[in-house]
PDB file of N, CA and C in Angstrom:
ATOM      1  N   MET A   1     -14.633  13.845  23.724  1.00  0.00           N
ATOM      2  CA  MET A   1     -13.279  13.498  23.259  1.00  0.00           C
ATOM      3  C   MET A   1     -13.824  12.762  21.918  1.00  0.00           C
ATOM      4  N   LEU A   2     -12.457  12.776  21.102  1.00  0.00           N
ATOM      5  CA  LEU A   2     -11.898  11.653  19.966  1.00  0.00           C
ATOM      6  C   LEU A   2     -12.577  10.004  20.071  1.00  0.00           C
ATOM      7  N   SER A   3     -13.044   9.422  19.495  1.00  0.00           N
ATOM      8  CA  SER A   3     -13.140   8.003  19.256  1.00  0.00           C
ATOM      9  C   SER A   3     -11.614   7.872  18.857  1.00  0.00           C
ATOM     10  N   THR A   4     -11.405   6.643  19.041  1.00  0.00           N
ATOM     11  CA  THR A   4     -10.025   6.307  19.046  1.00  0.00           C
ATOM     12  C   THR A   4     -10.292   5.190  18.329  1.00  0.00           C
ATOM     13  N   ARG A   5     -11.014   4.485  17.935  1.00  0.00           N
ATOM     14  CA  ARG A   5     -11.909   3.295  16.607  1.00  0.00           C
ATOM     15  C   ARG A   5     -11.344   3.805  15.697  1.00  0.00           C
ATOM     16  N   THR A   6     -12.161   5.085  14.997  1.00  0.00           N
ATOM     17  CA  THR A   6     -11.968   5.480  13.803  1.00  0.00           C
ATOM     18  C   THR A   6     -10.439   6.160  13.360  1.00  0.00           C
ATOM     19  N   ARG A   7     -10.208   6.565  14.501  1.00  0.00           N
ATOM     20  CA  ARG A   7      -8.806   7.011  14.231  1.00  0.00           C
ATOM     21  C   ARG A   7      -8.019   5.729  13.919  1.00  0.00           C
ATOM     22  N   ASP A   8      -7.538   4.692  15.023  1.00  0.00           N
ATOM     23  CA  ASP A   8      -7.124   3.530  15.193  1.00  0.00           C
ATOM     24  C   ASP A   8      -7.084   2.992  13.838  1.00  0.00           C
ATOM     25  N   SER A   9      -8.402   2.650  13.065  1.00  0.00           N
ATOM     26  CA  SER A   9      -8.591   2.098  11.461  1.00  0.00           C
ATOM     27  C   SER A   9      -7.948   3.140  10.249  1.00  0.00           C
ATOM     28  N   LEU A  10      -7.853   3.801  10.549  1.00  0.00           N
ATOM     29  CA  LEU A  10      -7.649   5.307  10.061  1.00  0.00           C
ATOM     30  C   LEU A  10      -5.922   5.124   9.721  1.00  0.00           C
ATOM     31  N   HIS A  11      -5.362   4.948  10.845  1.00  0.00           N
ATOM     32  CA  HIS A  11      -3.824   4.984  11.144  1.00  0.00           C
ATOM     33  C   HIS A  11      -3.529   3.595  10.678  1.00  0.00           C
ATOM     34  N   ALA A  12      -4.353   2.348  10.898  1.00  0.00           N
ATOM     35  CA  ALA A  12      -4.259   1.413  10.244  1.00  0.00           C
ATOM     36  C   ALA A  12      -3.942   1.496   8.609  1.00  0.00           C
ATOM     37  N   ALA A  13      -5.538   1.695   7.741  1.00  0.00           N
ATOM     38  CA  ALA A  13      -5.092   2.050   6.765  1.00  0.00           C
ATOM     39  C   ALA A  13      -4.088   2.713   6.074  1.00  0.00           C
ATOM     40  N   ILE A  14      -3.796   3.925   6.408  1.00  0.00           N
ATOM     41  CA  ILE A  14      -2.443   4.890   5.895  1.00  0.00           C
ATOM     42  C   ILE A  14      -1.270   4.201   6.081  1.00  0.00           C
ATOM     43  N   GLN A  15      -0.834   3.351   7.131  1.00  0.00           N
ATOM     44  CA  GLN A  15       0.159   2.267   7.223  1.00  0.00           C
ATOM     45  C   GLN A  15      -0.016   1.181   6.041  1.00  0.00           C
ATOM     46  N   SER A  16      -0.663   1.028   5.769  1.00  0.00           N
ATOM     47  CA  SER A  16      -0.740  -0.441   5.258  1.00  0.00           C
ATOM     48  C   SER A  16      -1.340  -0.014   3.471  1.00  0.00           C
ATOM     49  N   GLY A  17      -0.979   1.077   3.680  1.00  0.00           N
ATOM     50  CA  GLY A  17      -1.387   1.980   1.841  1.00  0.00           C
ATOM     51  C   GLY A  17      -2.882   1.732   1.473  1.00  0.00           C
ATOM     52  N   ALA A  18      -3.523   1.328   2.293  1.00  0.00           N
ATOM     53  CA  ALA A  18      -5.178   1.425   1.795  1.00  0.00           C
ATOM     54  C   ALA A  18      -5.591   2.318   1.543  1.00  0.00           C
ATOM     55  N   TRP A  19      -5.356   3.079   0.158  1.00  0.00           N
ATOM     56  CA  TRP A  19      -6.046   4.348   0.153  1.00  0.00           C
ATOM     57  C   TRP A  19      -7.082   4.814   0.017  1.00  0.00           C
ATOM     58  N   SER A  20      -7.926   3.946  -0.436  1.00  0.00           N
ATOM     59  CA  SER A  20      -9.437   4.090  -0.822  1.00  0.00           C
ATOM     60  C   SER A  20      -9.825   3.787   0.622  1.00  0.00           C
ATOM     61  N   THR A  21      -9.236   2.979   1.531  1.00  0.00           N
ATOM     62  CA  THR A  21     -10.130   2.693   2.938  1.00  0.00           C
ATOM     63  C   THR A  21      -9.820   4.020   3.738  1.00  0.00           C
ATOM     64  N   ALA A  22      -8.995   4.699   3.694  1.00  0.00           N
ATOM     65  CA  ALA A  22      -8.385   5.437   4.491  1.00  0.00           C
ATOM     66  C   ALA A  22      -9.595   6.950   4.179  1.00  0.00           C
ATOM     67  N   GLN A  23      -9.510   7.148   2.609  1.00  0.00           N
ATOM     68  CA  GLN A  23     -10.129   8.475   2.083  1.00  0.00           C
ATOM     69  C   GLN A  23     -11.737   8.225   2.951  1.00  0.00           C
ATOM     70  N   GLU A  24     -12.174   6.564   3.117  1.00  0.00           N
ATOM     71  CA  GLU A  24     -13.835   6.766   3.602  1.00  0.00           C
ATOM     72  C   GLU A  24     -13.311   7.528   4.938  1.00  0.00           C
ATOM     73  N   LEU A  25     -12.602   6.428   5.836  1.00  0.00           N
ATOM     74  CA  LEU A  25     -12.617   7.268   7.115  1.00  0.00           C
ATOM     75  C   LEU A  25     -12.202   8.489   7.532  1.00  0.00           C
ATOM     76  N   LEU A  26     -11.463   8.944   6.793  1.00  0.00           N
ATOM     77  CA  LEU A  26     -10.761  10.001   6.819  1.00  0.00           C
ATOM     78  C   LEU A  26     -12.460  10.791   6.746  1.00  0.00           C
ATOM     79  N   ALA A  27     -13.674  10.892   6.188  1.00  0.00           N
ATOM     80  CA  ALA A  27     -14.813  11.527   5.827  1.00  0.00           C
ATOM     81  C   ALA A  27     -15.386  11.321   7.623  1.00  0.00           C
ATOM     82  N   SER A  28     -15.289   9.892   8.024  1.00  0.00           N
ATOM     83  CA  SER A  28     -16.045   9.922   9.402  1.00  0.00           C
ATOM     84  C   SER A  28     -15.192  10.428  10.247  1.00  0.00           C
ATOM     85  N   PHE A  29     -14.028  10.392  10.576  1.00  0.00           N
ATOM     86  CA  PHE A  29     -12.836  11.213  11.049  1.00  0.00           C
ATOM     87  C   PHE A  29     -13.190  12.543  11.228  1.00  0.00           C
ATOM     88  N   ARG A  30     -13.509  12.861  10.187  1.00  0.00           N
ATOM     89  CA  ARG A  30     -13.626  14.311  10.085  1.00  0.00           C
ATOM     90  C   ARG A  30     -15.018  14.699  11.039  1.00  0.00           C
ATOM     91  N   LEU A  31     -16.284  14.278  10.676  1.00  0.00           N
ATOM     92  CA  LEU A  31     -17.621  14.229  11.376  1.00  0.00           C
ATOM     93  C   LEU A  31     -17.388  14.114  12.621  1.00  0.00           C
ATOM     94  N   GLU A  32     -16.167  12.983  13.153  1.00  0.00           N
ATOM     95  CA  GLU A  32     -16.053  12.914  14.497  1.00  0.00           C
ATOM     96  C   GLU A  32     -15.256  14.051  15.368  1.00  0.00           C
ATOM     97  N   VAL A  33     -14.429  14.450  14.713  1.00  0.00           N
ATOM     98  CA  VAL A  33     -13.641  16.174  15.193  1.00  0.00           C
ATOM     99  C   VAL A  33     -14.520  16.937  14.849  1.00  0.00           C
ATOM    100  N   GLU A  34     -15.717  17.384  14.334  1.00  0.00           N
ATOM    101  CA  GLU A  34     -16.598  18.382  13.977  1.00  0.00           C
ATOM    102  C   GLU A  34     -17.435  18.014  15.715  1.00  0.00           C
ATOM    103  N   THR A  35     -18.066  17.000  15.828  1.00  0.00           N
ATOM    104  CA  THR A  35     -18.604  16.464  17.165  1.00  0.00           C
ATOM    105  C   THR A  35     -17.905  16.928  17.852  1.00  0.00           C
ATOM    106  N   SER A  36     -16.944  16.436  18.271  1.00  0.00           N
ATOM    107  CA  SER A  36     -16.071  16.928  19.517  1.00  0.00           C
ATOM    108  C   SER A  36     -16.017  18.028  19.516  1.00  0.00           C
ATOM    109  N   TRP A  37     -15.208  18.702  18.925  1.00  0.00           N
ATOM    110  CA  TRP A  37     -15.267  20.303  18.698  1.00  0.00           C
ATOM    111  C   TRP A  37     -16.337  21.276  18.981  1.00  0.00           C
ATOM    112  N   ARG A  38     -17.710  20.237  18.397  1.00  0.00           N
ATOM    113  CA  ARG A  38     -18.832  21.800  18.646  1.00  0.00           C
ATOM    114  C   ARG A  38     -19.666  20.843  20.834  1.00  0.00           C
ATOM    115  N   ALA A  39     -18.904  19.640  20.427  1.00  0.00           N
ATOM    116  CA  ALA A  39     -19.300  19.181  22.252  1.00  0.00           C
ATOM    117  C   ALA A  39     -18.495  20.230  23.102  1.00  0.00           C
ATOM    118  N   ALA A  40     -17.173  20.481  22.463  1.00  0.00           N
ATOM    119  CA  ALA A  40     -16.218  20.890  24.179  1.00  0.00           C
ATOM    120  C   ALA A  40     -17.086  22.255  24.458  1.00  0.00           C
ATOM    121  N   SER A  41     -16.360  22.251  25.255  1.00  0.00           N
ATOM    122  CA  SER A  41     -16.781  23.500  26.875  1.00  0.00           C
ATOM    123  C   SER A  41     -15.809  24.238  26.920  1.00  0.00           C
ATOM    124  N   THR A  42     -15.049  24.383  26.785  1.00  0.00           N
ATOM    125  CA  THR A  42     -13.515  24.957  26.879  1.00  0.00           C
ATOM    126  C   THR A  42     -12.363  25.451  26.252  1.00  0.00           C
ATOM    127  N   ASP A  43     -11.883  26.540  26.060  1.00  0.00           N
ATOM    128  CA  ASP A  43     -10.452  26.218  24.960  1.00  0.00           C
ATOM    129  C   ASP A  43      -9.867  25.501  25.392  1.00  0.00           C
ATOM    130  N   GLN A  44      -9.911  24.869  26.712  1.00  0.00           N
ATOM    131  CA  GLN A  44      -8.266  23.898  26.790  1.00  0.00           C
ATOM    132  C   GLN A  44      -8.821  22.378  26.147  1.00  0.00           C
ATOM    133  N   GLU A  45     -10.263  22.207  26.013  1.00  0.00           N
ATOM    134  CA  GLU A  45     -10.764  20.936  25.550  1.00  0.00           C
ATOM    135  C   GLU A  45     -10.381  20.971  24.086  1.00  0.00           C
ATOM    136  N   ARG A  46     -10.551  22.292  23.221  1.00  0.00           N
ATOM    137  CA  ARG A  46     -10.610  22.612  21.760  1.00  0.00           C
ATOM    138  C   ARG A  46      -9.106  22.631  21.320  1.00  0.00           C
ATOM    139  N   ARG A  47      -7.916  22.775  22.220  1.00  0.00           N
ATOM    140  CA  ARG A  47      -7.038  23.074  22.159  1.00  0.00           C
ATOM    141  C   ARG A  47      -6.089  21.597  22.201  1.00  0.00           C
ATOM    142  N   ALA A  48      -6.633  20.930  23.168  1.00  0.00           N
ATOM    143  CA  ALA A  48      -6.475  19.401  23.058  1.00  0.00           C
ATOM    144  C   ALA A  48      -7.000  19.052  21.843  1.00  0.00           C
ATOM    145  N   ILE A  49      -7.745  19.072  21.298  1.00  0.00           N
ATOM    146  CA  ILE A  49      -8.645  18.049  20.101  1.00  0.00           C
ATOM    147  C   ILE A  49      -7.938  18.658  18.698  1.00  0.00           C
ATOM    148  N   SER A  50      -7.420  20.220  18.929  1.00  0.00           N
ATOM    149  CA  SER A  50      -6.695  20.650  17.738  1.00  0.00           C
ATOM    150  C   SER A  50      -4.969  20.025  18.001  1.00  0.00           C
ATOM    151  N   ASP A  51      -4.364  19.846  18.811  1.00  0.00           N
ATOM    152  CA  ASP A  51      -3.325  19.619  18.953  1.00  0.00           C
ATOM    153  C   ASP A  51      -3.366  18.097  18.555  1.00  0.00           C
ATOM    154  N   ASN A  52      -4.255  17.786  18.692  1.00  0.00           N
ATOM    155  CA  ASN A  52      -4.323  15.697  18.472  1.00  0.00           C
ATOM    156  C   ASN A  52      -4.705  15.642  17.261  1.00  0.00           C
ATOM    157  N   VAL A  53      -5.754  16.278  16.203  1.00  0.00           N
ATOM    158  CA  VAL A  53      -5.857  15.956  15.078  1.00  0.00           C
ATOM    159  C   VAL A  53      -4.785  16.244  14.233  1.00  0.00           C
ATOM    160  N   THR A  54      -3.893  17.951  14.508  1.00  0.00           N
ATOM    161  CA  THR A  54      -3.250  18.223  13.749  1.00  0.00           C
ATOM    162  C   THR A  54      -1.487  17.642  13.664  1.00  0.00           C
ATOM    163  N   GLY A  55      -0.965  16.694  15.061  1.00  0.00           N
ATOM    164  CA  GLY A  55      -0.666  15.774  14.972  1.00  0.00           C
ATOM    165  C   GLY A  55      -0.627  15.322  14.277  1.00  0.00           C
ATOM    166  N   PHE A  56      -1.964  14.173  14.016  1.00  0.00           N
ATOM    167  CA  PHE A  56      -2.667  13.085  13.536  1.00  0.00           C
ATOM    168  C   PHE A  56      -2.185  13.231  12.036  1.00  0.00           C
ATOM    169  N   LEU A  57      -2.897  14.504  11.209  1.00  0.00           N
ATOM    170  CA  LEU A  57      -2.938  15.025  10.161  1.00  0.00           C
ATOM    171  C   LEU A  57      -1.138  14.806   9.461  1.00  0.00           C
ATOM    172  N   GLU A  58      -0.296  15.628  10.058  1.00  0.00           N
ATOM    173  CA  GLU A  58       0.930  15.768   9.790  1.00  0.00           C
ATOM    174  C   GLU A  58       1.415  14.282   9.789  1.00  0.00           C
ATOM    175  N   TRP A  59       1.270  13.518  10.932  1.00  0.00           N
ATOM    176  CA  TRP A  59       1.435  12.454  10.782  1.00  0.00           C
ATOM    177  C   TRP A  59       1.121  11.522   9.328  1.00  0.00           C
ATOM    178  N   ALA A  60      -0.252  11.293   9.320  1.00  0.00           N
ATOM    179  CA  ALA A  60      -0.673  10.660   7.827  1.00  0.00           C
ATOM    180  C   ALA A  60      -0.221  11.562   6.675  1.00  0.00           C
ATOM    181  N   ARG A  61       0.588  13.060   6.608  1.00  0.00           N
ATOM    182  CA  ARG A  61       0.100  13.361   5.600  1.00  0.00           C
ATOM    183  C   ARG A  61       1.907  12.862   4.607  1.00  0.00           C
ATOM    184  N   ALA A  62       2.928  13.023   5.882  1.00  0.00           N
ATOM    185  CA  ALA A  62       4.102  12.533   5.939  1.00  0.00           C
ATOM    186  C   ALA A  62       4.490  11.201   5.780  1.00  0.00           C
ATOM    187  N   MET A  63       3.235  10.101   5.907  1.00  0.00           N
ATOM    188  CA  MET A  63       3.253   8.706   5.851  1.00  0.00           C
ATOM    189  C   MET A  63       2.926   8.901   4.168  1.00  0.00           C
ATOM    190  N   THR A  64       1.760   9.714   3.613  1.00  0.00           N
ATOM    191  CA  THR A  64       1.262   9.221   2.316  1.00  0.00           C
ATOM    192  C   THR A  64       2.624   9.997   1.150  1.00  0.00           C
ATOM    193  N   ILE A  65       2.993  11.166   1.389  1.00  0.00           N
ATOM    194  CA  ILE A  65       4.300  11.529   1.051  1.00  0.00           C
ATOM    195  C   ILE A  65       5.829  10.605   0.299  1.00  0.00           C
ATOM    196  N   THR A  66       5.667   9.908   1.975  1.00  0.00           N
ATOM    197  CA  THR A  66       6.616   8.943   1.708  1.00  0.00           C
ATOM    198  C   THR A  66       6.419   7.736   1.200  1.00  0.00           C
ATOM    199  N   SER A  67       5.288   7.302   0.873  1.00  0.00           N
ATOM    200  CA  SER A  67       4.884   5.420   0.206  1.00  0.00           C
ATOM    201  C   SER A  67       4.872   6.390  -1.081  1.00  0.00           C
ATOM    202  N   ARG A  68       4.168   7.603  -1.537  1.00  0.00           N
ATOM    203  CA  ARG A  68       4.122   8.039  -3.039  1.00  0.00           C
ATOM    204  C   ARG A  68       5.717   8.172  -3.372  1.00  0.00           C
ATOM    205  N   GLU A  69       6.490   8.388  -2.682  1.00  0.00           N
ATOM    206  CA  GLU A  69       8.381   8.381  -3.209  1.00  0.00           C
ATOM    207  C   GLU A  69       8.629   7.779  -3.161  1.00  0.00           C
ATOM    208  N   HIS A  70       8.435   6.170  -2.172  1.00  0.00           N
ATOM    209  CA  HIS A  70       8.757   5.009  -2.498  1.00  0.00           C
ATOM    210  C   HIS A  70       8.163   4.417  -3.929  1.00  0.00           C
ATOM    211  N   ALA A  71       6.983   4.301  -4.140  1.00  0.00           N
ATOM    212  CA  ALA A  71       6.205   4.074  -5.158  1.00  0.00           C
ATOM    213  C   ALA A  71       6.890   4.306  -6.846  1.00  0.00           C
ATOM    214  N   GLN A  72       6.789   6.088  -6.212  1.00  0.00           N
ATOM    215  CA  GLN A  72       7.833   6.445  -8.095  1.00  0.00           C
ATOM    216  C   GLN A  72       9.047   5.956  -8.328  1.00  0.00           C
ATOM    217  N   THR A  73      10.014   5.556  -6.976  1.00  0.00           N
ATOM    218  CA  THR A  73      11.406   5.141  -7.049  1.00  0.00           C
ATOM    219  C   THR A  73      11.639   4.375  -7.514  1.00  0.00           C
ATOM    220  N   ARG A  74      10.358   3.533  -7.287  1.00  0.00           N
ATOM    221  CA  ARG A  74      10.494   1.531  -7.609  1.00  0.00           C
ATOM    222  C   ARG A  74       9.514   2.126  -9.643  1.00  0.00           C
ATOM    223  N   LEU A  75       8.594   2.847  -9.642  1.00  0.00           N
ATOM    224  CA  LEU A  75       8.759   3.068 -11.212  1.00  0.00           C
ATOM    225  C   LEU A  75       9.753   3.452 -11.901  1.00  0.00           C
ATOM    226  N   ASN A  76      10.440   4.382 -11.217  1.00  0.00           N
ATOM    227  CA  ASN A  76      11.502   4.801 -12.167  1.00  0.00           C
ATOM    228  C   ASN A  76      12.798   3.992 -12.426  1.00  0.00           C
ATOM    229  N   ARG A  77      12.865   2.924 -11.214  1.00  0.00           N
ATOM    230  CA  ARG A  77      14.043   1.629 -11.737  1.00  0.00           C
ATOM    231  C   ARG A  77      13.254   0.800 -12.397  1.00  0.00           C
ATOM    232  N   LEU A  78      12.189   0.228 -12.590  1.00  0.00           N
ATOM    233  CA  LEU A  78      11.303   0.077 -13.299  1.00  0.00           C
ATOM    234  C   LEU A  78      11.799   0.183 -14.814  1.00  0.00           C
ATOM    235  N   SER A  79      11.452   1.370 -14.791  1.00  0.00           N
ATOM    236  CA  SER A  79      11.627   2.026 -16.214  1.00  0.00           C
ATOM    237  C   SER A  79      12.739   1.880 -16.492  1.00  0.00           C
ATOM    238  N   ARG A  80      14.298   2.443 -15.471  1.00  0.00           N
ATOM    239  CA  ARG A  80      15.757   1.966 -16.134  1.00  0.00           C
ATOM    240  C   ARG A  80      15.743   0.854 -16.749  1.00  0.00           C
ATOM    241  N   ARG A  81      15.395  -0.128 -15.958  1.00  0.00           N
ATOM    242  CA  ARG A  81      15.575  -1.542 -16.176  1.00  0.00           C
ATOM    243  C   ARG A  81      14.947  -2.196 -17.622  1.00  0.00           C
ATOM    244  N   HIS A  82      13.722  -1.531 -17.833  1.00  0.00           N
ATOM    245  CA  HIS A  82      13.359  -1.935 -19.401  1.00  0.00           C
ATOM    246  C   HIS A  82      14.149  -1.459 -20.535  1.00  0.00           C
ATOM    247  N   ALA A  83      14.356  -0.067 -20.100  1.00  0.00           N
ATOM    248  CA  ALA A  83      15.451   1.061 -20.493  1.00  0.00           C
ATOM    249  C   ALA A  83      16.622  -0.139 -21.603  1.00  0.00           C
ATOM    250  N   TYR A  84      17.043  -0.674 -20.300  1.00  0.00           N
ATOM    251  CA  TYR A  84      18.485  -1.414 -20.875  1.00  0.00           C
ATOM    252  C   TYR A  84      17.963  -2.601 -20.910  1.00  0.00           C
ATOM    253  N   ALA A  85      17.070  -3.057 -21.344  1.00  0.00           N
ATOM    254  CA  ALA A  85      17.000  -5.069 -21.780  1.00  0.00           C
ATOM    255  C   ALA A  85      16.799  -5.463 -22.869  1.00  0.00           C
ATOM    256  N   GLY A  86      16.604  -4.288 -24.065  1.00  0.00           N
ATOM    257  CA  GLY A  86      16.815  -4.194 -25.249  1.00  0.00           C
ATOM    258  C   GLY A  86      15.117  -4.934 -25.276  1.00  0.00           C
ATOM    259  N   PRO A  87      14.997  -5.367 -26.803  1.00  0.00           N
ATOM    260  CA  PRO A  87      13.728  -6.057 -27.472  1.00  0.00           C
ATOM    261  C   PRO A  87      13.676  -7.152 -27.307  1.00  0.00           C
ATOM    262  N   ASN A  88      12.899  -7.577 -26.871  1.00  0.00           N
ATOM    263  CA  ASN A  88      12.484  -9.603 -26.697  1.00  0.00           C
ATOM    264  C   ASN A  88      12.951 -10.369 -28.283  1.00  0.00           C
ATOM    265  N   PRO A  89      13.964 -11.262 -28.311  1.00  0.00           N
ATOM    266  CA  PRO A  89      14.427 -11.559 -29.520  1.00  0.00           C
ATOM    267  C   PRO A  89      12.880 -12.464 -30.055  1.00  0.00           C
ATOM    268  N   SER A  90      12.914 -12.201 -31.496  1.00  0.00           N
ATOM    269  CA  SER A  90      11.483 -12.954 -32.278  1.00  0.00           C
ATOM    270  C   SER A  90      11.722 -13.868 -32.507  1.00  0.00           C
ATOM    271  N   ASN A  91      11.029 -14.801 -32.272  1.00  0.00           N
ATOM    272  CA  ASN A  91      10.652 -16.301 -32.642  1.00  0.00           C
ATOM    273  C   ASN A  91      10.661 -16.688 -34.013  1.00  0.00           C
ATOM    274  N   PRO A  92      11.440 -17.204 -34.239  1.00  0.00           N
ATOM    275  CA  PRO A  92      10.922 -17.453 -35.865  1.00  0.00           C
ATOM    276  C   PRO A  92      10.255 -18.948 -36.463  1.00  0.00           C
ATOM    277  N   TYR A  93       9.738 -19.476 -35.200  1.00  0.00           N
ATOM    278  CA  TYR A  93       9.157 -20.839 -35.618  1.00  0.00           C
ATOM    279  C   TYR A  93       7.561 -20.309 -35.171  1.00  0.00           C
ATOM    280  N   ARG A  94       7.095 -19.151 -34.623  1.00  0.00           N
ATOM    281  CA  ARG A  94       6.199 -18.636 -34.154  1.00  0.00           C
ATOM    282  C   ARG A  94       5.157 -18.813 -35.288  1.00  0.00           C
ATOM    283  N   GLY A  95       4.165 -19.525 -34.873  1.00  0.00           N
ATOM    284  CA  GLY A  95       2.832 -19.453 -35.631  1.00  0.00           C
ATOM    285  C   GLY A  95       3.050 -20.678 -36.338  1.00  0.00           C
ATOM    286  N   LEU A  96       4.131 -21.515 -36.959  1.00  0.00           N
ATOM    287  CA  LEU A  96       3.958 -22.591 -37.184  1.00  0.00           C
ATOM    288  C   LEU A  96       3.786 -23.707 -36.291  1.00  0.00           C
ATOM    289  N   ASP A  97       3.508 -24.969 -37.166  1.00  0.00           N
ATOM    290  CA  ASP A  97       2.563 -25.965 -36.143  1.00  0.00           C
ATOM    291  C   ASP A  97       3.588 -26.867 -36.010  1.00  0.00           C
ATOM    292  N   ALA A  98       3.954 -27.524 -35.099  1.00  0.00           N
ATOM    293  CA  ALA A  98       5.083 -28.580 -35.132  1.00  0.00           C
ATOM    294  C   ALA A  98       4.986 -30.190 -35.511  1.00  0.00           C
TER     295      ALA A  98
END
């Protein structure tokens, strides 16, 4: 069956937004899934692996999309604030030694 250690680490990386770590762990997770799939001796075991992995990847996808949407919303808010902030007033004393 699948190792929960890599899956738990991948879960934590996704939850915390550590995307580069999640990408690295995803490669390890894939190898573990392939190994488990080959080791499975019955259709029932393979169905359980498939259901487990599908559910996890659906969650990971939803978390990734939600995180990106939040980042886009924050960026849009910052852009709007900047648009209405106006230019910084120039300093008439800039460059003069006091």
